[in-house]
Amino acid sequence: MSRRVLTLTPEQRSELEHLRDHASKPYLRERDAALLGQSASAVARNGLLRRRNPKTIWEWLNRYQADGVAGLQVKPGRGRKPVFSPSKPGSGPR
């Protein structure tokens, strides 16, 4: 696999560094740190909260290049769906 290089403007680097250090969501801090790291395979092995497949890092890179910081956020509707919705009448405990 070829090595991909993310070229950042000073503003982009500053934004990623700020989010890496101050984002409220741990997954955003992890993804920002990954984009600021060395190669995807080195970051996947050593530079994150846990080991990641290098393809995961490349996917984050693709999403960042396509949509900027917004591409690193988890999209609405992802993840486990609630078992019940407390806002619906009659769906709460009886």
N, C-alpha and C. Protein backbone atom coordinates (compact mmCIF):
# COMPACT_ATOMS: atom_id res chain seq x y z
N MET A 1 0.84 -1.18 0.00
CA MET A 1 0.00 0.00 0.00
C MET A 1 0.88 1.24 0.00
N SER A 2 0.40 2.25 -0.70
CA SER A 2 1.17 3.47 -0.76
C SER A 2 0.89 4.33 0.47
N ARG A 3 1.86 5.13 0.81
CA ARG A 3 1.73 6.01 1.96
C ARG A 3 1.01 7.28 1.51
N ARG A 4 -0.02 7.64 2.25
CA ARG A 4 -0.77 8.86 1.94
C ARG A 4 -0.33 9.95 2.90
N VAL A 5 -0.24 11.14 2.39
CA VAL A 5 0.17 12.27 3.19
C VAL A 5 -0.97 13.27 3.23
N LEU A 6 -1.32 13.71 4.42
CA LEU A 6 -2.34 14.73 4.58
C LEU A 6 -1.63 16.07 4.71
N THR A 7 -1.82 16.93 3.73
CA THR A 7 -1.22 18.25 3.75
C THR A 7 -2.24 19.22 4.34
N LEU A 8 -1.85 19.85 5.44
CA LEU A 8 -2.75 20.75 6.15
C LEU A 8 -2.27 22.19 6.05
N THR A 9 -3.21 23.10 5.94
CA THR A 9 -2.88 24.52 6.06
C THR A 9 -2.63 24.80 7.54
N PRO A 10 -1.99 25.90 7.87
CA PRO A 10 -1.80 26.23 9.30
C PRO A 10 -3.14 26.32 10.05
N GLU A 11 -4.19 26.81 9.39
CA GLU A 11 -5.50 26.91 10.03
C GLU A 11 -6.09 25.53 10.30
N GLN A 12 -5.97 24.61 9.33
CA GLN A 12 -6.48 23.25 9.51
C GLN A 12 -5.74 22.55 10.63
N ARG A 13 -4.41 22.68 10.66
CA ARG A 13 -3.61 22.04 11.71
C ARG A 13 -4.02 22.58 13.07
N SER A 14 -4.19 23.89 13.16
CA SER A 14 -4.59 24.51 14.42
C SER A 14 -5.96 24.01 14.87
N GLU A 15 -6.89 23.89 13.93
CA GLU A 15 -8.23 23.40 14.25
C GLU A 15 -8.18 21.96 14.75
N LEU A 16 -7.42 21.10 14.07
CA LEU A 16 -7.31 19.70 14.50
C LEU A 16 -6.62 19.59 15.85
N GLU A 17 -5.60 20.39 16.08
CA GLU A 17 -4.91 20.36 17.37
C GLU A 17 -5.83 20.82 18.50
N HIS A 18 -6.63 21.85 18.22
CA HIS A 18 -7.57 22.33 19.24
C HIS A 18 -8.60 21.25 19.57
N LEU A 19 -9.16 20.61 18.53
CA LEU A 19 -10.15 19.55 18.77
C LEU A 19 -9.51 18.34 19.44
N ARG A 20 -8.28 18.01 19.07
CA ARG A 20 -7.59 16.89 19.71
C ARG A 20 -7.47 17.12 21.22
N ASP A 21 -7.25 18.36 21.60
CA ASP A 21 -7.02 18.68 23.01
C ASP A 21 -8.29 19.05 23.77
N HIS A 22 -9.36 19.47 23.06
CA HIS A 22 -10.51 20.03 23.77
C HIS A 22 -11.88 19.49 23.36
N ALA A 23 -11.97 18.60 22.39
CA ALA A 23 -13.28 18.10 21.97
C ALA A 23 -13.96 17.37 23.12
N SER A 24 -15.28 17.51 23.21
CA SER A 24 -16.01 16.89 24.32
C SER A 24 -16.15 15.38 24.13
N LYS A 25 -16.10 14.91 22.91
CA LYS A 25 -16.26 13.48 22.62
C LYS A 25 -14.89 12.81 22.46
N PRO A 26 -14.63 11.74 23.21
CA PRO A 26 -13.33 11.05 23.08
C PRO A 26 -13.03 10.55 21.67
N TYR A 27 -14.07 10.09 20.95
CA TYR A 27 -13.80 9.59 19.60
C TYR A 27 -13.30 10.70 18.68
N LEU A 28 -13.77 11.94 18.89
CA LEU A 28 -13.27 13.05 18.07
C LEU A 28 -11.82 13.37 18.40
N ARG A 29 -11.47 13.32 19.69
CA ARG A 29 -10.07 13.56 20.08
C ARG A 29 -9.17 12.50 19.46
N GLU A 30 -9.64 11.26 19.45
CA GLU A 30 -8.86 10.16 18.88
C GLU A 30 -8.67 10.35 17.37
N ARG A 31 -9.72 10.68 16.67
CA ARG A 31 -9.64 10.84 15.21
C ARG A 31 -8.76 12.02 14.83
N ASP A 32 -8.88 13.12 15.56
CA ASP A 32 -8.04 14.27 15.29
C ASP A 32 -6.57 13.94 15.55
N ALA A 33 -6.30 13.23 16.62
CA ALA A 33 -4.92 12.82 16.91
C ALA A 33 -4.39 11.92 15.81
N ALA A 34 -5.23 11.04 15.29
CA ALA A 34 -4.80 10.14 14.22
C ALA A 34 -4.42 10.91 12.96
N LEU A 35 -5.19 11.93 12.62
CA LEU A 35 -4.90 12.70 11.42
C LEU A 35 -3.64 13.54 11.58
N LEU A 36 -3.29 13.87 12.81
CA LEU A 36 -2.07 14.65 13.06
C LEU A 36 -0.84 13.76 13.23
N GLY A 37 -1.04 12.44 13.21
CA GLY A 37 0.05 11.50 13.45
C GLY A 37 0.91 11.25 12.23
N GLN A 38 1.71 10.16 12.31
CA GLN A 38 2.61 9.81 11.22
C GLN A 38 1.85 9.02 10.16
N SER A 39 2.28 7.84 9.86
CA SER A 39 1.60 7.01 8.87
C SER A 39 0.39 6.34 9.50
N ALA A 40 -0.56 5.94 8.67
CA ALA A 40 -1.78 5.31 9.18
C ALA A 40 -1.46 4.04 9.96
N SER A 41 -0.51 3.24 9.48
CA SER A 41 -0.21 1.99 10.18
C SER A 41 0.48 2.26 11.52
N ALA A 42 1.36 3.27 11.59
CA ALA A 42 2.01 3.59 12.86
C ALA A 42 1.00 4.15 13.86
N VAL A 43 0.12 5.01 13.40
CA VAL A 43 -0.91 5.55 14.28
C VAL A 43 -1.84 4.44 14.74
N ALA A 44 -2.21 3.55 13.84
CA ALA A 44 -3.12 2.45 14.18
C ALA A 44 -2.51 1.54 15.25
N ARG A 45 -1.20 1.33 15.19
CA ARG A 45 -0.54 0.45 16.17
C ARG A 45 -0.30 1.13 17.51
N ASN A 46 0.11 2.39 17.50
CA ASN A 46 0.64 2.99 18.72
C ASN A 46 -0.03 4.27 19.18
N GLY A 47 -0.65 5.03 18.29
CA GLY A 47 -0.99 6.39 18.63
C GLY A 47 -2.40 6.66 19.09
N LEU A 48 -3.19 5.64 19.39
CA LEU A 48 -4.58 5.88 19.72
C LEU A 48 -4.96 5.25 21.04
N LEU A 49 -6.24 5.43 21.41
CA LEU A 49 -6.73 4.84 22.65
C LEU A 49 -6.63 3.32 22.61
N ARG A 50 -6.85 2.76 21.45
CA ARG A 50 -6.71 1.31 21.25
C ARG A 50 -6.25 1.05 19.83
N ARG A 51 -5.80 -0.16 19.58
CA ARG A 51 -5.33 -0.48 18.23
C ARG A 51 -6.46 -0.37 17.23
N ARG A 52 -6.14 0.11 16.05
CA ARG A 52 -7.10 0.23 14.96
C ARG A 52 -6.50 -0.37 13.70
N ASN A 53 -7.37 -0.80 12.83
CA ASN A 53 -6.94 -1.26 11.51
C ASN A 53 -6.51 -0.02 10.73
N PRO A 54 -5.38 -0.07 10.03
CA PRO A 54 -4.97 1.10 9.24
C PRO A 54 -6.05 1.57 8.26
N LYS A 55 -6.88 0.66 7.77
CA LYS A 55 -7.97 1.05 6.86
C LYS A 55 -8.95 1.99 7.55
N THR A 56 -9.11 1.83 8.86
CA THR A 56 -9.98 2.73 9.62
C THR A 56 -9.42 4.14 9.60
N ILE A 57 -8.10 4.26 9.78
CA ILE A 57 -7.45 5.58 9.75
C ILE A 57 -7.60 6.19 8.37
N TRP A 58 -7.43 5.38 7.33
CA TRP A 58 -7.56 5.89 5.97
C TRP A 58 -9.00 6.36 5.71
N GLU A 59 -9.97 5.65 6.26
CA GLU A 59 -11.36 6.07 6.11
C GLU A 59 -11.59 7.42 6.79
N TRP A 60 -11.02 7.62 7.97
CA TRP A 60 -11.11 8.92 8.64
C TRP A 60 -10.47 10.00 7.77
N LEU A 61 -9.34 9.68 7.16
CA LEU A 61 -8.65 10.62 6.28
C LEU A 61 -9.53 10.98 5.09
N ASN A 62 -10.15 9.98 4.46
CA ASN A 62 -11.04 10.23 3.33
C ASN A 62 -12.20 11.14 3.74
N ARG A 63 -12.79 10.85 4.88
CA ARG A 63 -13.93 11.64 5.35
C ARG A 63 -13.50 13.06 5.68
N TYR A 64 -12.31 13.23 6.26
CA TYR A 64 -11.82 14.57 6.57
C TYR A 64 -11.57 15.35 5.28
N GLN A 65 -10.96 14.71 4.30
CA GLN A 65 -10.67 15.40 3.04
C GLN A 65 -11.96 15.76 2.30
N ALA A 66 -13.00 14.96 2.44
CA ALA A 66 -14.26 15.23 1.75
C ALA A 66 -15.10 16.29 2.46
N ASP A 67 -15.17 16.22 3.81
CA ASP A 67 -16.11 17.05 4.56
C ASP A 67 -15.50 17.87 5.67
N GLY A 68 -14.17 17.85 5.81
CA GLY A 68 -13.54 18.58 6.90
C GLY A 68 -13.83 17.94 8.25
N VAL A 69 -13.83 18.73 9.30
CA VAL A 69 -14.05 18.21 10.66
C VAL A 69 -15.42 17.57 10.78
N ALA A 70 -16.41 18.07 10.06
CA ALA A 70 -17.76 17.50 10.12
C ALA A 70 -17.75 16.03 9.68
N GLY A 71 -16.84 15.65 8.79
CA GLY A 71 -16.76 14.27 8.34
C GLY A 71 -16.24 13.31 9.40
N LEU A 72 -15.64 13.83 10.46
CA LEU A 72 -15.11 12.97 11.52
C LEU A 72 -16.16 12.65 12.59
N GLN A 73 -17.27 13.37 12.57
CA GLN A 73 -18.30 13.15 13.57
C GLN A 73 -19.16 11.95 13.21
N VAL A 74 -19.71 11.30 14.22
CA VAL A 74 -20.62 10.18 14.01
C VAL A 74 -21.92 10.75 13.46
N LYS A 75 -22.40 10.16 12.39
CA LYS A 75 -23.61 10.64 11.75
C LYS A 75 -24.85 10.28 12.58
N PRO A 76 -25.89 11.12 12.56
CA PRO A 76 -27.13 10.79 13.27
C PRO A 76 -27.70 9.47 12.77
N GLY A 77 -28.25 8.71 13.67
CA GLY A 77 -28.86 7.44 13.31
C GLY A 77 -27.91 6.25 13.39
N ARG A 78 -26.63 6.51 13.67
CA ARG A 78 -25.67 5.41 13.80
C ARG A 78 -25.75 4.85 15.21
N GLY A 79 -25.34 3.62 15.39
CA GLY A 79 -25.29 3.03 16.72
C GLY A 79 -26.56 2.28 17.08
N ARG A 80 -26.60 1.81 18.31
CA ARG A 80 -27.70 1.01 18.79
C ARG A 80 -28.95 1.87 18.96
N LYS A 81 -30.07 1.35 18.52
CA LYS A 81 -31.33 2.06 18.63
C LYS A 81 -31.94 1.80 20.01
N PRO A 82 -32.68 2.77 20.57
CA PRO A 82 -33.28 2.58 21.88
C PRO A 82 -34.34 1.48 21.84
N VAL A 83 -34.50 0.79 22.97
CA VAL A 83 -35.49 -0.28 23.08
C VAL A 83 -36.89 0.33 23.10
N PHE A 84 -37.04 1.44 23.78
CA PHE A 84 -38.32 2.16 23.78
C PHE A 84 -38.04 3.65 23.81
N SER A 85 -39.04 4.40 23.43
CA SER A 85 -38.88 5.85 23.43
C SER A 85 -39.73 6.43 24.56
N PRO A 86 -39.10 7.04 25.56
CA PRO A 86 -39.88 7.57 26.68
C PRO A 86 -40.79 8.72 26.28
N SER A 87 -40.63 9.30 25.08
CA SER A 87 -41.47 10.42 24.66
C SER A 87 -42.82 9.95 24.13
N LYS A 88 -42.95 8.67 23.79
CA LYS A 88 -44.23 8.17 23.27
C LYS A 88 -45.15 7.81 24.43
N PRO A 89 -46.43 8.23 24.37
CA PRO A 89 -47.36 7.86 25.44
C PRO A 89 -47.54 6.35 25.50
N GLY A 90 -47.53 5.83 26.70
CA GLY A 90 -47.75 4.40 26.90
C GLY A 90 -46.53 3.54 26.69
N SER A 91 -45.37 4.15 26.43
CA SER A 91 -44.18 3.34 26.19
C SER A 91 -43.30 3.21 27.43
N GLY A 92 -43.66 3.90 28.50
CA GLY A 92 -42.87 3.85 29.73
C GLY A 92 -43.27 2.68 30.62
N PRO A 93 -42.64 2.56 31.78
CA PRO A 93 -42.97 1.47 32.71
C PRO A 93 -44.40 1.62 33.23
N ARG A 94 -45.01 0.51 33.53
CA ARG A 94 -46.39 0.52 34.04
C ARG A 94 -46.45 0.10 35.46
